[in-house]
Amino acid sequence: MNYEQVTEGIRVSVRPSFSLPYSVPKDGKFVFTYSIQMENQSEETAKLLFRHWHIHDSEGDDSEVDGEGVVGEQPTLAPGKSHSYESFCVLQSPVGFMEGYYTFIRPTGEEFHVSVPRFDLQAPWTVGGPAESDAIN
């Protein structure tokens, strides 16, 4: 499934997937990868400065992650340009979700947040989504 949202002219698309080869379900290790593409649909250049994630694990602790850039980069997006990257997270359960935002800056010095839509992390054998799993637990 592809998740998409546009904020301040920056379109963010996310495609999550479960990574069975790196997961060890019997030990409570569930690895999810996600591909993100951001495209500048505005008329102004924007540089990504920071990321902020809220990660929900239906059987573990929720966590917040803040950091500079994405995977070691702070891409600058000219109008019409895009940037893609892949990353991952590890949960203690087969069901969860992530959401967050990026902080960008314009050449004028104006900083703004670009939302990353909430996206589900769900192993293929689970039934229902994170909300249903939370209701059961």
C-alpha atoms as a PDB file:
ATOM      1  CA  MET A   1       0.000   0.000   0.000  1.00  0.00           C
ATOM      2  CA  ASN A   2       1.182   3.517  -0.788  1.00  0.00           C
ATOM      3  CA  TYR A   3       0.516   6.411   1.611  1.00  0.00           C
ATOM      4  CA  GLU A   4       0.696  10.000   0.382  1.00  0.00           C
ATOM      5  CA  GLN A   5       0.288  13.540   1.710  1.00  0.00           C
ATOM      6  CA  VAL A   6       1.095  17.071   0.479  1.00  0.00           C
ATOM      7  CA  THR A   7       2.120  19.843   2.893  1.00  0.00           C
ATOM      8  CA  GLU A   8       3.437  23.272   1.870  1.00  0.00           C
ATOM      9  CA  GLY A   9       3.848  22.006  -1.687  1.00  0.00           C
ATOM     10  CA  ILE A  10       6.006  19.008  -0.695  1.00  0.00           C
ATOM     11  CA  ARG A  11       4.452  15.636  -1.581  1.00  0.00           C
ATOM     12  CA  VAL A  12       5.573  12.733   0.610  1.00  0.00           C
ATOM     13  CA  SER A  13       4.840   9.154  -0.502  1.00  0.00           C
ATOM     14  CA  VAL A  14       5.562   6.130   1.701  1.00  0.00           C
ATOM     15  CA  ARG A  15       5.573   2.438   0.798  1.00  0.00           C
ATOM     16  CA  PRO A  16       6.155   0.158   3.816  1.00  0.00           C
ATOM     17  CA  SER A  17       6.828  -3.582   3.718  1.00  0.00           C
ATOM     18  CA  PHE A  18       7.572  -6.414   6.102  1.00  0.00           C
ATOM     19  CA  SER A  19      11.073  -7.903   5.894  1.00  0.00           C
ATOM     20  CA  LEU A  20      10.854 -11.602   6.779  1.00  0.00           C
ATOM     21  CA  PRO A  21      14.558 -12.353   6.072  1.00  0.00           C
ATOM     22  CA  TYR A  22      15.655  -9.935   8.827  1.00  0.00           C
ATOM     23  CA  SER A  23      12.840 -10.713  11.276  1.00  0.00           C
ATOM     24  CA  VAL A  24      12.890 -13.328  14.036  1.00  0.00           C
ATOM     25  CA  PRO A  25       9.224 -13.613  15.089  1.00  0.00           C
ATOM     26  CA  LYS A  26       9.877 -16.223  17.815  1.00  0.00           C
ATOM     27  CA  ASP A  27      12.201 -13.688  19.495  1.00  0.00           C
ATOM     28  CA  GLY A  28       9.790 -10.761  19.071  1.00  0.00           C
ATOM     29  CA  LYS A  29      11.841  -9.077  16.338  1.00  0.00           C
ATOM     30  CA  PHE A  30       9.780  -7.775  13.428  1.00  0.00           C
ATOM     31  CA  VAL A  31      11.642  -5.707  10.828  1.00  0.00           C
ATOM     32  CA  PHE A  32       9.789  -3.323   8.531  1.00  0.00           C
ATOM     33  CA  THR A  33      11.333  -1.400   5.676  1.00  0.00           C
ATOM     34  CA  TYR A  34       9.876   1.705   4.105  1.00  0.00           C
ATOM     35  CA  SER A  35      10.604   3.650   0.936  1.00  0.00           C
ATOM     36  CA  ILE A  36       9.966   7.374   0.952  1.00  0.00           C
ATOM     37  CA  GLN A  37       9.812   9.748  -1.958  1.00  0.00           C
ATOM     38  CA  MET A  38       9.468  13.486  -1.445  1.00  0.00           C
ATOM     39  CA  GLU A  39       8.743  15.794  -4.362  1.00  0.00           C
ATOM     40  CA  ASN A  40       8.783  19.591  -4.361  1.00  0.00           C
ATOM     41  CA  GLN A  41       5.590  20.643  -6.144  1.00  0.00           C
ATOM     42  CA  SER A  42       5.952  24.267  -5.001  1.00  0.00           C
ATOM     43  CA  GLU A  43       7.613  27.208  -6.750  1.00  0.00           C
ATOM     44  CA  GLU A  44      10.351  27.570  -4.101  1.00  0.00           C
ATOM     45  CA  THR A  45      13.443  25.531  -3.255  1.00  0.00           C
ATOM     46  CA  ALA A  46      13.330  23.726   0.099  1.00  0.00           C
ATOM     47  CA  LYS A  47      16.080  21.985   2.076  1.00  0.00           C
ATOM     48  CA  LEU A  48      15.316  19.172   4.517  1.00  0.00           C
ATOM     49  CA  LEU A  49      16.905  19.828   7.920  1.00  0.00           C
ATOM     50  CA  PHE A  50      15.416  17.386  10.450  1.00  0.00           C
ATOM     51  CA  ARG A  51      13.112  14.395  10.809  1.00  0.00           C
ATOM     52  CA  HIS A  52      10.729  13.503  13.635  1.00  0.00           C
ATOM     53  CA  TRP A  53       9.083  10.081  13.937  1.00  0.00           C
ATOM     54  CA  HIS A  54       6.466   8.664  16.258  1.00  0.00           C
ATOM     55  CA  ILE A  55       6.682   4.859  16.166  1.00  0.00           C
ATOM     56  CA  HIS A  56       3.869   2.810  17.669  1.00  0.00           C
ATOM     57  CA  ASP A  57       4.472  -0.844  18.529  1.00  0.00           C
ATOM     58  CA  SER A  58       1.249  -2.653  19.489  1.00  0.00           C
ATOM     59  CA  GLU A  59       3.115  -4.872  22.000  1.00  0.00           C
ATOM     60  CA  GLY A  60       6.109  -2.707  22.850  1.00  0.00           C
ATOM     61  CA  ASP A  61       6.814   0.830  23.870  1.00  0.00           C
ATOM     62  CA  ASP A  62       6.017   3.767  21.635  1.00  0.00           C
ATOM     63  CA  SER A  63       9.079   5.787  20.695  1.00  0.00           C
ATOM     64  CA  GLU A  64       9.972   9.186  19.312  1.00  0.00           C
ATOM     65  CA  VAL A  65      12.963   9.622  16.998  1.00  0.00           C
ATOM     66  CA  ASP A  66      14.492  12.985  16.101  1.00  0.00           C
ATOM     67  CA  GLY A  67      17.541  13.576  13.976  1.00  0.00           C
ATOM     68  CA  GLU A  68      19.240  15.606  11.310  1.00  0.00           C
ATOM     69  CA  GLY A  69      18.300  14.834   7.733  1.00  0.00           C
ATOM     70  CA  VAL A  70      17.385  11.404   6.433  1.00  0.00           C
ATOM     71  CA  VAL A  71      19.864   8.508   6.193  1.00  0.00           C
ATOM     72  CA  GLY A  72      22.776  10.919   6.583  1.00  0.00           C
ATOM     73  CA  GLU A  73      21.581  13.419   3.975  1.00  0.00           C
ATOM     74  CA  GLN A  74      19.929  16.837   4.013  1.00  0.00           C
ATOM     75  CA  PRO A  75      18.619  17.012   0.443  1.00  0.00           C
ATOM     76  CA  THR A  76      17.761  20.310  -1.232  1.00  0.00           C
ATOM     77  CA  LEU A  77      14.712  20.073  -3.477  1.00  0.00           C
ATOM     78  CA  ALA A  78      14.424  22.611  -6.272  1.00  0.00           C
ATOM     79  CA  PRO A  79      10.916  23.081  -7.724  1.00  0.00           C
ATOM     80  CA  GLY A  80       9.899  19.907  -9.562  1.00  0.00           C
ATOM     81  CA  LYS A  81      12.727  17.838  -8.072  1.00  0.00           C
ATOM     82  CA  SER A  82      12.408  14.790  -5.819  1.00  0.00           C
ATOM     83  CA  HIS A  83      14.459  12.730  -3.384  1.00  0.00           C
ATOM     84  CA  SER A  84      13.975   9.087  -2.432  1.00  0.00           C
ATOM     85  CA  TYR A  85      15.428   6.950   0.330  1.00  0.00           C
ATOM     86  CA  GLU A  86      14.847   3.691   2.163  1.00  0.00           C
ATOM     87  CA  SER A  87      15.054   2.950   5.854  1.00  0.00           C
ATOM     88  CA  PHE A  88      13.688   0.502   8.417  1.00  0.00           C
ATOM     89  CA  CYS A  89      12.402   0.066  11.954  1.00  0.00           C
ATOM     90  CA  VAL A  90      12.255  -2.907  14.302  1.00  0.00           C
ATOM     91  CA  LEU A  91       9.152  -3.662  16.366  1.00  0.00           C
ATOM     92  CA  GLN A  92       8.495  -6.221  19.088  1.00  0.00           C
ATOM     93  CA  SER A  93       5.174  -7.131  17.468  1.00  0.00           C
ATOM     94  CA  PRO A  94       3.906  -7.810  13.949  1.00  0.00           C
ATOM     95  CA  VAL A  95       1.628  -4.745  14.007  1.00  0.00           C
ATOM     96  CA  GLY A  96       2.278  -1.038  14.487  1.00  0.00           C
ATOM     97  CA  PHE A  97       2.483   2.256  12.669  1.00  0.00           C
ATOM     98  CA  MET A  98       4.719   5.248  12.063  1.00  0.00           C
ATOM     99  CA  GLU A  99       3.985   8.904  11.418  1.00  0.00           C
ATOM    100  CA  GLY A 100       5.886  12.141  11.700  1.00  0.00           C
ATOM    101  CA  TYR A 101       7.182  15.190   9.932  1.00  0.00           C
ATOM    102  CA  TYR A 102      10.218  16.727   8.291  1.00  0.00           C
ATOM    103  CA  THR A 103      11.473  20.219   9.035  1.00  0.00           C
ATOM    104  CA  PHE A 104      12.395  22.076   5.860  1.00  0.00           C
ATOM    105  CA  ILE A 105      13.836  25.546   5.297  1.00  0.00           C
ATOM    106  CA  ARG A 106      13.292  27.940   2.378  1.00  0.00           C
ATOM    107  CA  PRO A 107      16.065  30.222   1.005  1.00  0.00           C
ATOM    108  CA  THR A 108      14.348  33.071   2.892  1.00  0.00           C
ATOM    109  CA  GLY A 109      15.113  31.314   6.192  1.00  0.00           C
ATOM    110  CA  GLU A 110      11.476  30.296   6.771  1.00  0.00           C
ATOM    111  CA  GLU A 111      11.269  26.867   8.444  1.00  0.00           C
ATOM    112  CA  PHE A 112       8.183  24.700   8.047  1.00  0.00           C
ATOM    113  CA  HIS A 113       6.980  21.175   8.834  1.00  0.00           C
ATOM    114  CA  VAL A 114       6.017  18.677   6.143  1.00  0.00           C
ATOM    115  CA  SER A 115       3.779  15.879   7.397  1.00  0.00           C
ATOM    116  CA  VAL A 116       4.581  12.248   6.785  1.00  0.00           C
ATOM    117  CA  PRO A 117       1.252  10.416   6.665  1.00  0.00           C
ATOM    118  CA  ARG A 118       0.607   7.712   9.216  1.00  0.00           C
ATOM    119  CA  PHE A 119       1.492   4.381   7.641  1.00  0.00           C
ATOM    120  CA  ASP A 120       0.728   0.906   8.930  1.00  0.00           C
ATOM    121  CA  LEU A 121       3.380  -1.667   9.687  1.00  0.00           C
ATOM    122  CA  GLN A 122       1.780  -5.071   9.463  1.00  0.00           C
ATOM    123  CA  ALA A 123       3.188  -8.539   8.904  1.00  0.00           C
ATOM    124  CA  PRO A 124       1.300 -10.316   6.099  1.00  0.00           C
ATOM    125  CA  TRP A 125      -0.180 -13.034   8.325  1.00  0.00           C
ATOM    126  CA  THR A 126      -1.900 -10.604  10.737  1.00  0.00           C
ATOM    127  CA  VAL A 127      -5.609  -9.882  10.455  1.00  0.00           C
ATOM    128  CA  GLY A 128      -6.905  -6.330  10.685  1.00  0.00           C
ATOM    129  CA  GLY A 129      -4.792  -3.249  11.257  1.00  0.00           C
ATOM    130  CA  PRO A 130      -3.079  -1.696  14.257  1.00  0.00           C
ATOM    131  CA  ALA A 131      -6.338  -0.335  15.678  1.00  0.00           C
ATOM    132  CA  GLU A 132      -7.935  -3.813  15.706  1.00  0.00           C
ATOM    133  CA  SER A 133      -4.837  -5.369  17.224  1.00  0.00           C
ATOM    134  CA  ASP A 134      -4.753  -2.717  19.966  1.00  0.00           C
ATOM    135  CA  ALA A 135      -8.404  -3.395  20.766  1.00  0.00           C
ATOM    136  CA  ILE A 136      -7.682  -7.106  21.193  1.00  0.00           C
ATOM    137  CA  ASN A 137      -4.675  -6.626  23.514  1.00  0.00           C
END
